[in-house]
PDB file of N, CA and C in Angstrom:
ATOM      1  N   PRO A   1      -0.398 -10.653   6.261  1.00  0.00           N
ATOM      2  CA  PRO A   1       0.035 -10.028   7.507  1.00  0.00           C
ATOM      3  C   PRO A   1       0.830 -10.976   8.404  1.00  0.00           C
ATOM      4  N   HIS A   2       0.868 -12.264   8.064  1.00  0.00           N
ATOM      5  CA  HIS A   2       1.548 -13.241   8.906  1.00  0.00           C
ATOM      6  C   HIS A   2       3.039 -13.248   8.633  1.00  0.00           C
ATOM      7  N   HIS A   3       3.821 -13.137   9.662  1.00  0.00           N
ATOM      8  CA  HIS A   3       5.260 -13.295   9.538  1.00  0.00           C
ATOM      9  C   HIS A   3       5.852 -13.461  10.923  1.00  0.00           C
ATOM     10  N   LEU A   4       7.059 -13.985  10.951  1.00  0.00           N
ATOM     11  CA  LEU A   4       7.720 -14.238  12.224  1.00  0.00           C
ATOM     12  C   LEU A   4       8.615 -13.080  12.657  1.00  0.00           C
ATOM     13  N   ASP A   5       8.825 -12.107  11.782  1.00  0.00           N
ATOM     14  CA  ASP A   5       9.669 -10.970  12.119  1.00  0.00           C
ATOM     15  C   ASP A   5       9.023 -10.169  13.250  1.00  0.00           C
ATOM     16  N   ALA A   6       9.833  -9.681  14.147  1.00  0.00           N
ATOM     17  CA  ALA A   6       9.321  -8.926  15.284  1.00  0.00           C
ATOM     18  C   ALA A   6      10.009  -7.569  15.365  1.00  0.00           C
ATOM     19  N   GLY A   7       9.452  -6.710  16.195  1.00  0.00           N
ATOM     20  CA  GLY A   7      10.063  -5.416  16.445  1.00  0.00           C
ATOM     21  C   GLY A   7       9.501  -4.280  15.624  1.00  0.00           C
ATOM     22  N   PHE A   8       8.333  -4.491  15.019  1.00  0.00           N
ATOM     23  CA  PHE A   8       7.718  -3.438  14.214  1.00  0.00           C
ATOM     24  C   PHE A   8       6.712  -2.661  15.054  1.00  0.00           C
ATOM     25  N   GLU A   9       6.683  -1.374  14.868  1.00  0.00           N
ATOM     26  CA  GLU A   9       5.721  -0.538  15.578  1.00  0.00           C
ATOM     27  C   GLU A   9       4.302  -0.947  15.193  1.00  0.00           C
ATOM     28  N   GLY A  10       3.469  -1.171  16.191  1.00  0.00           N
ATOM     29  CA  GLY A  10       2.077  -1.526  15.948  1.00  0.00           C
ATOM     30  C   GLY A  10       1.846  -2.970  15.540  1.00  0.00           C
ATOM     31  N   GLU A  11       2.862  -3.808  15.672  1.00  0.00           N
ATOM     32  CA  GLU A  11       2.693  -5.198  15.257  1.00  0.00           C
ATOM     33  C   GLU A  11       1.654  -5.905  16.128  1.00  0.00           C
ATOM     34  N   ILE A  12       1.020  -6.895  15.532  1.00  0.00           N
ATOM     35  CA  ILE A  12      -0.011  -7.669  16.224  1.00  0.00           C
ATOM     36  C   ILE A  12       0.571  -9.039  16.541  1.00  0.00           C
ATOM     37  N   LYS A  13       0.757  -9.318  17.807  1.00  0.00           N
ATOM     38  CA  LYS A  13       1.418 -10.550  18.253  1.00  0.00           C
ATOM     39  C   LYS A  13       0.699 -11.799  17.745  1.00  0.00           C
ATOM     40  N   ASP A  14      -0.625 -11.755  17.599  1.00  0.00           N
ATOM     41  CA  ASP A  14      -1.393 -12.916  17.141  1.00  0.00           C
ATOM     42  C   ASP A  14      -1.063 -13.296  15.699  1.00  0.00           C
ATOM     43  N   LEU A  15      -0.450 -12.389  14.954  1.00  0.00           N
ATOM     44  CA  LEU A  15      -0.111 -12.672  13.561  1.00  0.00           C
ATOM     45  C   LEU A  15       1.330 -13.157  13.402  1.00  0.00           C
ATOM     46  N   LYS A  16       2.014 -13.373  14.494  1.00  0.00           N
ATOM     47  CA  LYS A  16       3.404 -13.830  14.456  1.00  0.00           C
ATOM     48  C   LYS A  16       3.457 -15.349  14.424  1.00  0.00           C
ATOM     49  N   TYR A  17       3.196 -15.907  13.259  1.00  0.00           N
ATOM     50  CA  TYR A  17       3.305 -17.354  13.091  1.00  0.00           C
ATOM     51  C   TYR A  17       3.673 -17.673  11.656  1.00  0.00           C
ATOM     52  N   ASP A  18       4.222 -18.845  11.474  1.00  0.00           N
ATOM     53  CA  ASP A  18       4.644 -19.318  10.165  1.00  0.00           C
ATOM     54  C   ASP A  18       3.432 -19.889   9.443  1.00  0.00           C
ATOM     55  N   CYS A  19       3.129 -19.382   8.261  1.00  0.00           N
ATOM     56  CA  CYS A  19       1.971 -19.887   7.523  1.00  0.00           C
ATOM     57  C   CYS A  19       2.354 -20.129   6.062  1.00  0.00           C
ATOM     58  N   ASP A  20       1.497 -20.837   5.357  1.00  0.00           N
ATOM     59  CA  ASP A  20       1.756 -21.188   3.959  1.00  0.00           C
ATOM     60  C   ASP A  20       1.537 -20.035   2.986  1.00  0.00           C
ATOM     61  N   CYS A  21       0.978 -18.921   3.453  1.00  0.00           N
ATOM     62  CA  CYS A  21       0.708 -17.816   2.536  1.00  0.00           C
ATOM     63  C   CYS A  21       1.892 -16.857   2.400  1.00  0.00           C
ATOM     64  N   ARG A  22       2.935 -17.057   3.196  1.00  0.00           N
ATOM     65  CA  ARG A  22       4.108 -16.189   3.115  1.00  0.00           C
ATOM     66  C   ARG A  22       5.099 -16.732   2.096  1.00  0.00           C
ATOM     67  N   LYS A  23       5.434 -15.922   1.100  1.00  0.00           N
ATOM     68  CA  LYS A  23       6.443 -16.335   0.146  1.00  0.00           C
ATOM     69  C   LYS A  23       7.766 -16.548   0.877  1.00  0.00           C
ATOM     70  N   PRO A  24       8.546 -17.526   0.516  1.00  0.00           N
ATOM     71  CA  PRO A  24       8.496 -18.266  -0.730  1.00  0.00           C
ATOM     72  C   PRO A  24       7.555 -19.468  -0.727  1.00  0.00           C
ATOM     73  N   LYS A  25       6.837 -19.700   0.358  1.00  0.00           N
ATOM     74  CA  LYS A  25       5.835 -20.768   0.323  1.00  0.00           C
ATOM     75  C   LYS A  25       4.763 -20.378  -0.677  1.00  0.00           C
ATOM     76  N   ILE A  26       4.053 -21.356  -1.200  1.00  0.00           N
ATOM     77  CA  ILE A  26       3.152 -21.089  -2.331  1.00  0.00           C
ATOM     78  C   ILE A  26       1.680 -21.239  -1.970  1.00  0.00           C
ATOM     79  N   GLY A  27       1.361 -21.163  -0.696  1.00  0.00           N
ATOM     80  CA  GLY A  27      -0.023 -21.333  -0.259  1.00  0.00           C
ATOM     81  C   GLY A  27      -0.994 -20.380  -0.924  1.00  0.00           C
ATOM     82  N   MET A  28      -0.613 -19.113  -1.088  1.00  0.00           N
ATOM     83  CA  MET A  28      -1.550 -18.160  -1.707  1.00  0.00           C
ATOM     84  C   MET A  28      -1.760 -18.478  -3.189  1.00  0.00           C
ATOM     85  N   PHE A  29      -0.753 -19.031  -3.852  1.00  0.00           N
ATOM     86  CA  PHE A  29      -0.924 -19.413  -5.250  1.00  0.00           C
ATOM     87  C   PHE A  29      -1.874 -20.609  -5.363  1.00  0.00           C
ATOM     88  N   LEU A  30      -1.704 -21.568  -4.457  1.00  0.00           N
ATOM     89  CA  LEU A  30      -2.586 -22.744  -4.470  1.00  0.00           C
ATOM     90  C   LEU A  30      -4.018 -22.361  -4.128  1.00  0.00           C
ATOM     91  N   GLU A  31      -4.171 -21.402  -3.237  1.00  0.00           N
ATOM     92  CA  GLU A  31      -5.510 -20.912  -2.883  1.00  0.00           C
ATOM     93  C   GLU A  31      -6.156 -20.220  -4.089  1.00  0.00           C
ATOM     94  N   ALA A  32      -5.380 -19.437  -4.815  1.00  0.00           N
ATOM     95  CA  ALA A  32      -5.893 -18.778  -6.021  1.00  0.00           C
ATOM     96  C   ALA A  32      -6.269 -19.809  -7.079  1.00  0.00           C
ATOM     97  N   LYS A  33      -5.443 -20.830  -7.225  1.00  0.00           N
ATOM     98  CA  LYS A  33      -5.744 -21.894  -8.187  1.00  0.00           C
ATOM     99  C   LYS A  33      -7.075 -22.550  -7.848  1.00  0.00           C
ATOM    100  N   LYS A  34      -7.259 -22.846  -6.578  1.00  0.00           N
ATOM    101  CA  LYS A  34      -8.483 -23.515  -6.127  1.00  0.00           C
ATOM    102  C   LYS A  34      -9.711 -22.614  -6.250  1.00  0.00           C
ATOM    103  N   ASN A  35      -9.602 -21.393  -5.767  1.00  0.00           N
ATOM    104  CA  ASN A  35     -10.767 -20.503  -5.699  1.00  0.00           C
ATOM    105  C   ASN A  35     -11.052 -19.740  -6.979  1.00  0.00           C
ATOM    106  N   LEU A  36     -10.035 -19.497  -7.785  1.00  0.00           N
ATOM    107  CA  LEU A  36     -10.205 -18.666  -8.979  1.00  0.00           C
ATOM    108  C   LEU A  36      -9.958 -19.413 -10.281  1.00  0.00           C
ATOM    109  N   ASN A  37      -9.698 -20.723 -10.172  1.00  0.00           N
ATOM    110  CA  ASN A  37      -9.470 -21.566 -11.340  1.00  0.00           C
ATOM    111  C   ASN A  37      -8.311 -21.045 -12.195  1.00  0.00           C
ATOM    112  N   ILE A  38      -7.220 -20.717 -11.537  1.00  0.00           N
ATOM    113  CA  ILE A  38      -6.035 -20.188 -12.205  1.00  0.00           C
ATOM    114  C   ILE A  38      -5.100 -21.336 -12.585  1.00  0.00           C
ATOM    115  N   ALA A  39      -4.587 -21.284 -13.797  1.00  0.00           N
ATOM    116  CA  ALA A  39      -3.593 -22.262 -14.245  1.00  0.00           C
ATOM    117  C   ALA A  39      -2.217 -21.731 -13.844  1.00  0.00           C
ATOM    118  N   ILE A  40      -1.708 -22.222 -12.729  1.00  0.00           N
ATOM    119  CA  ILE A  40      -0.430 -21.726 -12.215  1.00  0.00           C
ATOM    120  C   ILE A  40       0.687 -21.909 -13.240  1.00  0.00           C
ATOM    121  N   GLU A  41       0.691 -23.029 -13.930  1.00  0.00           N
ATOM    122  CA  GLU A  41       1.766 -23.300 -14.888  1.00  0.00           C
ATOM    123  C   GLU A  41       1.763 -22.340 -16.079  1.00  0.00           C
ATOM    124  N   LYS A  42       0.680 -21.588 -16.255  1.00  0.00           N
ATOM    125  CA  LYS A  42       0.602 -20.582 -17.324  1.00  0.00           C
ATOM    126  C   LYS A  42       0.667 -19.167 -16.762  1.00  0.00           C
ATOM    127  N   SER A  43       0.893 -19.057 -15.466  1.00  0.00           N
ATOM    128  CA  SER A  43       0.867 -17.761 -14.794  1.00  0.00           C
ATOM    129  C   SER A  43       2.256 -17.155 -14.662  1.00  0.00           C
ATOM    130  N   TRP A  44       2.270 -15.860 -14.471  1.00  0.00           N
ATOM    131  CA  TRP A  44       3.495 -15.104 -14.280  1.00  0.00           C
ATOM    132  C   TRP A  44       3.434 -14.408 -12.927  1.00  0.00           C
ATOM    133  N   LEU A  45       4.580 -14.259 -12.306  1.00  0.00           N
ATOM    134  CA  LEU A  45       4.694 -13.470 -11.094  1.00  0.00           C
ATOM    135  C   LEU A  45       5.621 -12.303 -11.371  1.00  0.00           C
ATOM    136  N   ILE A  46       5.185 -11.119 -11.023  1.00  0.00           N
ATOM    137  CA  ILE A  46       6.018  -9.923 -11.120  1.00  0.00           C
ATOM    138  C   ILE A  46       6.438  -9.577  -9.702  1.00  0.00           C
ATOM    139  N   GLY A  47       7.730  -9.482  -9.471  1.00  0.00           N
ATOM    140  CA  GLY A  47       8.199  -9.177  -8.130  1.00  0.00           C
ATOM    141  C   GLY A  47       9.504  -8.413  -8.133  1.00  0.00           C
ATOM    142  N   ASP A  48       9.861  -7.938  -6.934  1.00  0.00           N
ATOM    143  CA  ASP A  48      11.090  -7.163  -6.823  1.00  0.00           C
ATOM    144  C   ASP A  48      12.113  -7.785  -5.874  1.00  0.00           C
ATOM    145  N   SER A  49      11.796  -8.957  -5.327  1.00  0.00           N
ATOM    146  CA  SER A  49      12.723  -9.580  -4.383  1.00  0.00           C
ATOM    147  C   SER A  49      13.046 -11.009  -4.807  1.00  0.00           C
ATOM    148  N   THR A  50      14.153 -11.522  -4.291  1.00  0.00           N
ATOM    149  CA  THR A  50      14.498 -12.912  -4.582  1.00  0.00           C
ATOM    150  C   THR A  50      13.466 -13.853  -3.958  1.00  0.00           C
ATOM    151  N   ARG A  51      12.830 -13.446  -2.881  1.00  0.00           N
ATOM    152  CA  ARG A  51      11.760 -14.240  -2.269  1.00  0.00           C
ATOM    153  C   ARG A  51      10.606 -14.418  -3.265  1.00  0.00           C
ATOM    154  N   ASP A  52      10.248 -13.348  -3.972  1.00  0.00           N
ATOM    155  CA  ASP A  52       9.195 -13.415  -4.985  1.00  0.00           C
ATOM    156  C   ASP A  52       9.576 -14.381  -6.108  1.00  0.00           C
ATOM    157  N   ILE A  53      10.781 -14.232  -6.619  1.00  0.00           N
ATOM    158  CA  ILE A  53      11.236 -15.039  -7.746  1.00  0.00           C
ATOM    159  C   ILE A  53      11.351 -16.507  -7.343  1.00  0.00           C
ATOM    160  N   PHE A  54      11.854 -16.767  -6.145  1.00  0.00           N
ATOM    161  CA  PHE A  54      11.971 -18.139  -5.653  1.00  0.00           C
ATOM    162  C   PHE A  54      10.590 -18.776  -5.499  1.00  0.00           C
ATOM    163  N   ALA A  55       9.627 -18.029  -4.998  1.00  0.00           N
ATOM    164  CA  ALA A  55       8.262 -18.544  -4.862  1.00  0.00           C
ATOM    165  C   ALA A  55       7.693 -18.923  -6.224  1.00  0.00           C
ATOM    166  N   ALA A  56       7.931 -18.086  -7.226  1.00  0.00           N
ATOM    167  CA  ALA A  56       7.456 -18.397  -8.582  1.00  0.00           C
ATOM    168  C   ALA A  56       8.067 -19.701  -9.078  1.00  0.00           C
ATOM    169  N   LYS A  57       9.364 -19.871  -8.856  1.00  0.00           N
ATOM    170  CA  LYS A  57      10.037 -21.098  -9.297  1.00  0.00           C
ATOM    171  C   LYS A  57       9.450 -22.325  -8.610  1.00  0.00           C
ATOM    172  N   ILE A  58       9.237 -22.246  -7.297  1.00  0.00           N
ATOM    173  CA  ILE A  58       8.668 -23.369  -6.556  1.00  0.00           C
ATOM    174  C   ILE A  58       7.281 -23.720  -7.097  1.00  0.00           C
ATOM    175  N   ALA A  59       6.496 -22.697  -7.417  1.00  0.00           N
ATOM    176  CA  ALA A  59       5.126 -22.898  -7.886  1.00  0.00           C
ATOM    177  C   ALA A  59       5.055 -23.325  -9.345  1.00  0.00           C
ATOM    178  N   GLY A  60       6.155 -23.209 -10.094  1.00  0.00           N
ATOM    179  CA  GLY A  60       6.147 -23.556 -11.508  1.00  0.00           C
ATOM    180  C   GLY A  60       5.652 -22.436 -12.392  1.00  0.00           C
ATOM    181  N   MET A  61       5.794 -21.210 -11.908  1.00  0.00           N
ATOM    182  CA  MET A  61       5.367 -20.034 -12.654  1.00  0.00           C
ATOM    183  C   MET A  61       6.576 -19.372 -13.302  1.00  0.00           C
ATOM    184  N   LYS A  62       6.327 -18.577 -14.327  1.00  0.00           N
ATOM    185  CA  LYS A  62       7.381 -17.739 -14.889  1.00  0.00           C
ATOM    186  C   LYS A  62       7.455 -16.472 -14.046  1.00  0.00           C
ATOM    187  N   SER A  63       8.617 -15.822 -14.087  1.00  0.00           N
ATOM    188  CA  SER A  63       8.791 -14.650 -13.226  1.00  0.00           C
ATOM    189  C   SER A  63       9.448 -13.501 -13.974  1.00  0.00           C
ATOM    190  N   VAL A  64       9.062 -12.290 -13.548  1.00  0.00           N
ATOM    191  CA  VAL A  64       9.678 -11.063 -14.040  1.00  0.00           C
ATOM    192  C   VAL A  64      10.160 -10.287 -12.819  1.00  0.00           C
ATOM    193  N   LEU A  65      11.427  -9.967 -12.805  1.00  0.00           N
ATOM    194  CA  LEU A  65      11.989  -9.140 -11.746  1.00  0.00           C
ATOM    195  C   LEU A  65      11.946  -7.686 -12.180  1.00  0.00           C
ATOM    196  N   VAL A  66      11.338  -6.838 -11.363  1.00  0.00           N
ATOM    197  CA  VAL A  66      11.333  -5.403 -11.658  1.00  0.00           C
ATOM    198  C   VAL A  66      12.485  -4.739 -10.915  1.00  0.00           C
ATOM    199  N   ASN A  67      13.078  -3.752 -11.557  1.00  0.00           N
ATOM    200  CA  ASN A  67      14.230  -3.058 -10.985  1.00  0.00           C
ATOM    201  C   ASN A  67      13.813  -1.869 -10.132  1.00  0.00           C
ATOM    202  N   THR A  68      12.672  -1.982  -9.485  1.00  0.00           N
ATOM    203  CA  THR A  68      12.217  -0.990  -8.519  1.00  0.00           C
ATOM    204  C   THR A  68      12.107  -1.691  -7.176  1.00  0.00           C
ATOM    205  N   GLY A  69      11.830  -0.980  -6.126  1.00  0.00           N
ATOM    206  CA  GLY A  69      11.720  -1.609  -4.812  1.00  0.00           C
ATOM    207  C   GLY A  69      13.042  -2.235  -4.410  1.00  0.00           C
ATOM    208  N   TYR A  70      13.009  -3.506  -4.019  1.00  0.00           N
ATOM    209  CA  TYR A  70      14.227  -4.214  -3.617  1.00  0.00           C
ATOM    210  C   TYR A  70      15.142  -4.500  -4.797  1.00  0.00           C
ATOM    211  N   ALA A  71      14.571  -4.674  -5.973  1.00  0.00           N
ATOM    212  CA  ALA A  71      15.339  -4.943  -7.196  1.00  0.00           C
ATOM    213  C   ALA A  71      16.341  -6.081  -7.000  1.00  0.00           C
ATOM    214  N   ARG A  72      15.914  -7.130  -6.312  1.00  0.00           N
ATOM    215  CA  ARG A  72      16.695  -8.335  -6.039  1.00  0.00           C
ATOM    216  C   ARG A  72      17.872  -8.080  -5.089  1.00  0.00           C
ATOM    217  N   LYS A  73      17.971  -6.907  -4.513  1.00  0.00           N
ATOM    218  CA  LYS A  73      19.094  -6.592  -3.633  1.00  0.00           C
ATOM    219  C   LYS A  73      18.930  -7.190  -2.242  1.00  0.00           C
ATOM    220  N   ASP A  74      17.775  -7.809  -1.961  1.00  0.00           N
ATOM    221  CA  ASP A  74      17.578  -8.430  -0.647  1.00  0.00           C
ATOM    222  C   ASP A  74      18.542  -9.590  -0.445  1.00  0.00           C
ATOM    223  N   GLY A  75      18.931 -10.289  -1.521  1.00  0.00           N
ATOM    224  CA  GLY A  75      19.928 -11.338  -1.451  1.00  0.00           C
ATOM    225  C   GLY A  75      19.557 -12.558  -0.631  1.00  0.00           C
ATOM    226  N   ASN A  76      18.278 -12.778  -0.397  1.00  0.00           N
ATOM    227  CA  ASN A  76      17.848 -13.917   0.425  1.00  0.00           C
ATOM    228  C   ASN A  76      17.997 -15.256  -0.286  1.00  0.00           C
ATOM    229  N   TYR A  77      17.818 -15.283  -1.602  1.00  0.00           N
ATOM    230  CA  TYR A  77      17.852 -16.536  -2.353  1.00  0.00           C
ATOM    231  C   TYR A  77      18.694 -16.356  -3.604  1.00  0.00           C
ATOM    232  N   LYS A  78      19.415 -17.387  -3.967  1.00  0.00           N
ATOM    233  CA  LYS A  78      20.194 -17.378  -5.213  1.00  0.00           C
ATOM    234  C   LYS A  78      19.310 -17.961  -6.296  1.00  0.00           C
ATOM    235  N   VAL A  79      18.616 -17.090  -7.003  1.00  0.00           N
ATOM    236  CA  VAL A  79      17.670 -17.511  -8.023  1.00  0.00           C
ATOM    237  C   VAL A  79      17.627 -16.449  -9.113  1.00  0.00           C
ATOM    238  N   MET A  80      17.407 -16.907 -10.332  1.00  0.00           N
ATOM    239  CA  MET A  80      17.343 -15.988 -11.470  1.00  0.00           C
ATOM    240  C   MET A  80      15.922 -15.922 -12.001  1.00  0.00           C
ATOM    241  N   PRO A  81      15.434 -14.742 -12.322  1.00  0.00           N
ATOM    242  CA  PRO A  81      14.112 -14.613 -12.925  1.00  0.00           C
ATOM    243  C   PRO A  81      14.142 -15.047 -14.388  1.00  0.00           C
ATOM    244  N   ASP A  82      12.974 -15.280 -14.947  1.00  0.00           N
ATOM    245  CA  ASP A  82      12.894 -15.581 -16.379  1.00  0.00           C
ATOM    246  C   ASP A  82      13.176 -14.332 -17.203  1.00  0.00           C
ATOM    247  N   CYS A  83      12.776 -13.171 -16.687  1.00  0.00           N
ATOM    248  CA  CYS A  83      12.947 -11.897 -17.383  1.00  0.00           C
ATOM    249  C   CYS A  83      13.153 -10.791 -16.353  1.00  0.00           C
ATOM    250  N   CYS A  84      13.679  -9.663 -16.820  1.00  0.00           N
ATOM    251  CA  CYS A  84      13.818  -8.468 -15.981  1.00  0.00           C
ATOM    252  C   CYS A  84      13.186  -7.286 -16.705  1.00  0.00           C
ATOM    253  N   SER A  85      12.704  -6.329 -15.926  1.00  0.00           N
ATOM    254  CA  SER A  85      12.115  -5.131 -16.522  1.00  0.00           C
ATOM    255  C   SER A  85      12.436  -3.924 -15.642  1.00  0.00           C
ATOM    256  N   ASN A  86      12.286  -2.757 -16.226  1.00  0.00           N
ATOM    257  CA  ASN A  86      12.584  -1.530 -15.492  1.00  0.00           C
ATOM    258  C   ASN A  86      11.551  -1.219 -14.427  1.00  0.00           C
ATOM    259  N   ASP A  87      10.275  -1.509 -14.723  1.00  0.00           N
ATOM    260  CA  ASP A  87       9.206  -1.202 -13.780  1.00  0.00           C
ATOM    261  C   ASP A  87       8.016  -2.112 -14.061  1.00  0.00           C
ATOM    262  N   TRP A  88       6.941  -1.910 -13.317  1.00  0.00           N
ATOM    263  CA  TRP A  88       5.755  -2.777 -13.434  1.00  0.00           C
ATOM    264  C   TRP A  88       5.106  -2.683 -14.803  1.00  0.00           C
ATOM    265  N   ASN A  89       5.032  -1.479 -15.379  1.00  0.00           N
ATOM    266  CA  ASN A  89       4.435  -1.327 -16.705  1.00  0.00           C
ATOM    267  C   ASN A  89       5.229  -2.086 -17.754  1.00  0.00           C
ATOM    268  N   ASP A  90       6.542  -1.981 -17.696  1.00  0.00           N
ATOM    269  CA  ASP A  90       7.391  -2.726 -18.632  1.00  0.00           C
ATOM    270  C   ASP A  90       7.218  -4.230 -18.445  1.00  0.00           C
ATOM    271  N   ALA A  91       7.046  -4.658 -17.196  1.00  0.00           N
ATOM    272  CA  ALA A  91       6.862  -6.088 -16.910  1.00  0.00           C
ATOM    273  C   ALA A  91       5.588  -6.605 -17.559  1.00  0.00           C
ATOM    274  N   VAL A  92       4.518  -5.849 -17.445  1.00  0.00           N
ATOM    275  CA  VAL A  92       3.247  -6.262 -18.051  1.00  0.00           C
ATOM    276  C   VAL A  92       3.380  -6.311 -19.568  1.00  0.00           C
ATOM    277  N   ASP A  93       4.011  -5.297 -20.156  1.00  0.00           N
ATOM    278  CA  ASP A  93       4.226  -5.296 -21.605  1.00  0.00           C
ATOM    279  C   ASP A  93       5.047  -6.507 -22.037  1.00  0.00           C
ATOM    280  N   LEU A  94       6.079  -6.825 -21.284  1.00  0.00           N
ATOM    281  CA  LEU A  94       6.931  -7.965 -21.588  1.00  0.00           C
ATOM    282  C   LEU A  94       6.133  -9.270 -21.558  1.00  0.00           C
ATOM    283  N   ILE A  95       5.284  -9.418 -20.559  1.00  0.00           N
ATOM    284  CA  ILE A  95       4.464 -10.632 -20.443  1.00  0.00           C
ATOM    285  C   ILE A  95       3.511 -10.746 -21.625  1.00  0.00           C
ATOM    286  N   PHE A  96       2.847  -9.658 -21.980  1.00  0.00           N
ATOM    287  CA  PHE A  96       1.919  -9.711 -23.111  1.00  0.00           C
ATOM    288  C   PHE A  96       2.646 -10.027 -24.419  1.00  0.00           C
ATOM    289  N   LYS A  97       3.836  -9.502 -24.601  1.00  0.00           N
ATOM    290  CA  LYS A  97       4.612  -9.828 -25.800  1.00  0.00           C
ATOM    291  C   LYS A  97       4.972 -11.310 -25.814  1.00  0.00           C
ATOM    292  N   GLN A  98       5.356 -11.845 -24.666  1.00  0.00           N
ATOM    293  CA  GLN A  98       5.704 -13.262 -24.576  1.00  0.00           C
ATOM    294  C   GLN A  98       4.491 -14.140 -24.870  1.00  0.00           C
ATOM    295  N   ILE A  99       3.342 -13.774 -24.315  1.00  0.00           N
ATOM    296  CA  ILE A  99       2.119 -14.525 -24.572  1.00  0.00           C
ATOM    297  C   ILE A  99       1.772 -14.482 -26.046  1.00  0.00           C
ATOM    298  N   ASP A 100       1.889 -13.301 -26.650  1.00  0.00           N
ATOM    299  CA  ASP A 100       1.596 -13.136 -28.071  1.00  0.00           C
ATOM    300  C   ASP A 100       2.545 -13.998 -28.905  1.00  0.00           C
ATOM    301  N   ASN A 101       3.822 -14.049 -28.550  1.00  0.00           N
ATOM    302  CA  ASN A 101       4.787 -14.892 -29.275  1.00  0.00           C
ATOM    303  C   ASN A 101       4.452 -16.374 -29.124  1.00  0.00           C
ATOM    304  N   ASP A 102       4.006 -16.780 -27.933  1.00  0.00           N
ATOM    305  CA  ASP A 102       3.653 -18.171 -27.697  1.00  0.00           C
ATOM    306  C   ASP A 102       2.438 -18.590 -28.511  1.00  0.00           C
ATOM    307  N   ILE A 103       1.496 -17.666 -28.693  1.00  0.00           N
ATOM    308  CA  ILE A 103       0.272 -17.957 -29.448  1.00  0.00           C
ATOM    309  C   ILE A 103       0.574 -18.057 -30.933  1.00  0.00           C
ATOM    310  N   ASN A 104       1.419 -17.158 -31.413  1.00  0.00           N
ATOM    311  CA  ASN A 104       1.732 -17.125 -32.838  1.00  0.00           C
ATOM    312  C   ASN A 104       2.894 -18.003 -33.075  1.00  0.00           C
TER     313      ASN A 104
END
């Protein structure tokens, strides 16, 4: 809920601050690593914005861009995903195929 953007109906002024949990910062990934014992370097991020993909790159994760939602049209960052998919289901299938190829 933290962000510096203003002018939204019902916004809470106390949440208007810069924090490490807002992508492209990687605070939420580091928190997950610490609390859930996640191997970030083996993790994937599925996202629809360049902010998502850039955060994955900073964190050392692989990324899949889905062509729904923003579909990278936000144009905030010049970054390329590792893979692209039509939707979230295709993204998950793509990740499992990649994992299966890496194992075999």
